[in-house]
């Protein structure tokens, strides 16, 4: 997949079924990997609908095909107000939640490319920090965060359970 053909844009409500199909694949992948993440009915179709209605839902497209989804939130995350550990910064940040990649695009570096585009979006909006959390047993996401040099900051509690919390400081020259 050529990067020139890929673009990140806001999701549209008419795309909900396509996005939900990608999530069903991702939920099943988490189950096959032995992860407890996303095995309790969350995320669900309503949470994705809410993302889109609140302008948090973004899709990564290869030409016109949706190949990945993420909630990208510039409004902060209340669950991040309390951390067992310490965030690297106290200023504005972008939150990344609910990352899912289509089975058809797996193994092609799409999640890494998605994070790169999220970083570009943050900088374009004058925000130089990204915060993200993930389950302790989500090995693929932990590897991506390590590869992209996210800093482990501690634990946050999200939806009643502890999650690993990471932050990346972005350069103003990106």
Protein backbone atom coordinates (compact mmCIF):
# COMPACT_ATOMS: atom_id res chain seq x y z
CA UNK A 1 0.00 0.00 0.00
CA UNK A 2 1.55 3.23 -1.10
CA UNK A 3 1.54 5.93 1.53
CA UNK A 4 0.55 8.58 -1.02
CA UNK A 5 -2.78 6.78 -1.47
CA UNK A 6 -3.50 6.80 2.27
CA UNK A 7 -5.28 9.55 4.12
CA UNK A 8 -6.72 10.10 7.55
CA UNK A 9 -10.09 11.79 7.74
CA UNK A 10 -13.11 12.12 9.98
CA UNK A 11 -15.48 9.17 9.84
CA UNK A 12 -19.03 9.63 8.61
CA UNK A 13 -22.08 8.06 10.21
CA UNK A 14 -22.90 6.37 6.88
CA UNK A 15 -19.67 4.36 7.32
CA UNK A 16 -20.67 2.91 10.70
CA UNK A 17 -21.32 -0.62 9.38
CA UNK A 18 -17.96 -0.80 7.59
CA UNK A 19 -16.18 0.45 10.72
CA UNK A 20 -18.11 -1.93 12.97
CA UNK A 21 -17.07 -4.86 10.76
CA UNK A 22 -13.41 -3.87 11.29
CA UNK A 23 -14.06 -3.78 15.04
CA UNK A 24 -15.63 -7.22 15.00
CA UNK A 25 -12.45 -8.51 13.33
CA UNK A 26 -10.27 -6.73 15.92
CA UNK A 27 -12.35 -8.02 18.85
CA UNK A 28 -12.00 -11.55 17.51
CA UNK A 29 -8.23 -11.05 17.04
CA UNK A 30 -7.89 -9.93 20.68
CA UNK A 31 -9.77 -13.09 21.73
CA UNK A 32 -7.55 -15.34 19.58
CA UNK A 33 -4.47 -13.66 21.07
CA UNK A 34 -5.72 -14.56 24.54
CA UNK A 35 -6.24 -10.91 25.52
CA UNK A 36 -9.05 -9.89 27.85
CA UNK A 37 -9.24 -6.50 26.10
CA UNK A 38 -12.50 -5.85 24.24
CA UNK A 39 -14.07 -9.12 25.39
CA UNK A 40 -16.81 -7.56 27.55
CA UNK A 41 -19.08 -5.90 25.00
CA UNK A 42 -16.94 -2.76 24.65
CA UNK A 43 -16.34 -1.23 22.26
CA UNK A 44 -19.70 -1.74 20.64
CA UNK A 45 -21.56 -0.23 17.74
CA UNK A 46 -23.00 2.51 19.98
CA UNK A 47 -19.56 3.58 21.25
CA UNK A 48 -18.37 3.94 17.65
CA UNK A 49 -21.54 5.86 16.72
CA UNK A 50 -20.90 8.18 19.69
CA UNK A 51 -17.29 8.73 18.53
CA UNK A 52 -18.50 9.74 15.08
CA UNK A 53 -21.30 11.97 16.42
CA UNK A 54 -18.78 13.73 18.71
CA UNK A 55 -16.29 14.20 15.82
CA UNK A 56 -13.76 11.86 17.49
CA UNK A 57 -14.02 9.05 14.93
CA UNK A 58 -11.36 8.95 12.21
CA UNK A 59 -10.75 6.48 9.42
CA UNK A 60 -7.56 5.69 7.59
CA UNK A 61 -8.35 5.11 3.94
CA UNK A 62 -6.31 3.46 1.23
CA UNK A 63 -7.77 5.14 -1.82
CA UNK A 64 -11.47 4.87 -0.96
CA UNK A 65 -11.25 1.74 1.21
CA UNK A 66 -11.45 2.14 4.98
CA UNK A 67 -8.62 0.07 6.44
CA UNK A 68 -8.35 1.38 10.02
CA UNK A 69 -10.23 3.38 12.63
CA UNK A 70 -9.32 5.35 15.72
CA UNK A 71 -10.96 7.74 18.11
CA UNK A 72 -8.79 10.87 18.20
CA UNK A 73 -9.81 13.21 21.00
CA UNK A 74 -8.52 16.74 21.49
CA UNK A 75 -10.76 17.36 24.54
CA UNK A 76 -8.72 15.34 27.04
CA UNK A 77 -9.61 12.16 28.90
CA UNK A 78 -11.03 12.43 32.45
CA UNK A 79 -9.63 8.98 33.32
CA UNK A 80 -6.14 10.42 32.74
CA UNK A 81 -6.53 12.99 35.53
CA UNK A 82 -5.43 10.33 38.03
CA UNK A 83 -2.37 8.24 37.23
CA UNK A 84 -0.31 5.89 39.36
CA UNK A 85 2.95 7.26 38.03
CA UNK A 86 3.46 10.56 36.25
CA UNK A 87 2.69 11.92 32.82
CA UNK A 88 5.65 13.45 30.98
CA UNK A 89 3.75 16.73 30.48
CA UNK A 90 0.82 18.60 32.02
CA UNK A 91 -0.30 20.59 28.96
CA UNK A 92 -2.69 19.95 26.09
CA UNK A 93 -2.66 16.49 24.58
CA UNK A 94 -4.41 14.30 22.06
CA UNK A 95 -5.96 11.04 23.26
CA UNK A 96 -5.96 7.96 21.04
CA UNK A 97 -8.60 5.33 21.83
CA UNK A 98 -10.17 2.36 20.02
CA UNK A 99 -7.58 1.61 17.33
CA UNK A 100 -8.67 -1.14 14.95
CA UNK A 101 -7.16 -2.30 11.65
CA UNK A 102 -9.00 -4.32 9.02
CA UNK A 103 -7.94 -7.96 8.67
CA UNK A 104 -7.27 -7.23 4.99
CA UNK A 105 -4.62 -4.66 5.99
CA UNK A 106 -3.00 -6.55 8.90
CA UNK A 107 0.75 -7.10 8.89
CA UNK A 108 1.43 -4.14 6.59
CA UNK A 109 2.44 -1.52 9.17
CA UNK A 110 -0.96 0.17 9.00
CA UNK A 111 -1.30 0.83 12.75
CA UNK A 112 2.19 2.36 12.76
CA UNK A 113 1.27 4.55 9.78
CA UNK A 114 -2.00 5.51 11.51
CA UNK A 115 -0.10 6.69 14.59
CA UNK A 116 2.26 8.69 12.36
CA UNK A 117 -0.71 10.44 10.77
CA UNK A 118 -2.25 11.09 14.20
CA UNK A 119 1.03 12.73 15.22
CA UNK A 120 0.89 14.94 12.10
CA UNK A 121 -2.73 15.86 12.89
CA UNK A 122 -1.84 16.78 16.48
CA UNK A 123 1.05 19.03 15.40
CA UNK A 124 -1.13 20.64 12.69
CA UNK A 125 -3.55 21.54 15.51
CA UNK A 126 -0.79 22.92 17.75
CA UNK A 127 -0.77 19.99 20.18
CA UNK A 128 2.59 18.39 20.95
CA UNK A 129 1.68 15.47 23.18
CA UNK A 130 -0.23 12.23 22.57
CA UNK A 131 -1.48 10.06 25.42
CA UNK A 132 -2.75 6.53 25.04
CA UNK A 133 -3.55 3.58 27.25
CA UNK A 134 -3.79 -0.11 26.54
CA UNK A 135 -4.40 -3.40 28.26
CA UNK A 136 -1.43 -5.15 29.85
CA UNK A 137 -1.96 -8.12 27.53
CA UNK A 138 -2.36 -6.24 24.23
CA UNK A 139 1.07 -7.27 22.94
CA UNK A 140 0.67 -5.91 19.38
CA UNK A 141 -0.20 -2.40 20.69
CA UNK A 142 2.56 -2.51 23.30
CA UNK A 143 5.06 -3.34 20.53
CA UNK A 144 3.80 -0.45 18.37
CA UNK A 145 4.05 2.02 21.25
CA UNK A 146 7.59 0.82 22.02
CA UNK A 147 8.64 1.03 18.36
CA UNK A 148 7.25 4.58 18.11
CA UNK A 149 9.08 5.62 21.30
CA UNK A 150 6.09 6.26 23.53
CA UNK A 151 7.14 6.71 27.16
CA UNK A 152 5.59 4.43 29.77
CA UNK A 153 4.16 6.76 32.42
CA UNK A 154 2.31 4.43 34.80
CA UNK A 155 -1.20 3.10 35.20
CA UNK A 156 -4.57 4.73 34.68
CA UNK A 157 -7.93 3.21 35.48
CA UNK A 158 -10.30 3.05 32.54
CA UNK A 159 -13.66 1.35 32.68
CA UNK A 160 -12.84 -0.12 36.10
CA UNK A 161 -9.48 -1.73 35.39
CA UNK A 162 -5.83 -0.73 35.37
CA UNK A 163 -4.30 0.05 32.00
CA UNK A 164 -0.76 0.87 30.93
CA UNK A 165 -0.47 4.58 30.13
CA UNK A 166 1.93 6.05 27.59
CA UNK A 167 2.80 9.50 26.28
CA UNK A 168 4.78 10.76 23.33
CA UNK A 169 6.13 14.27 23.04
CA UNK A 170 6.04 15.62 19.52
CA UNK A 171 8.44 17.95 17.81
CA UNK A 172 7.19 21.33 16.65
CA UNK A 173 9.15 20.75 13.43
CA UNK A 174 7.18 17.68 12.28
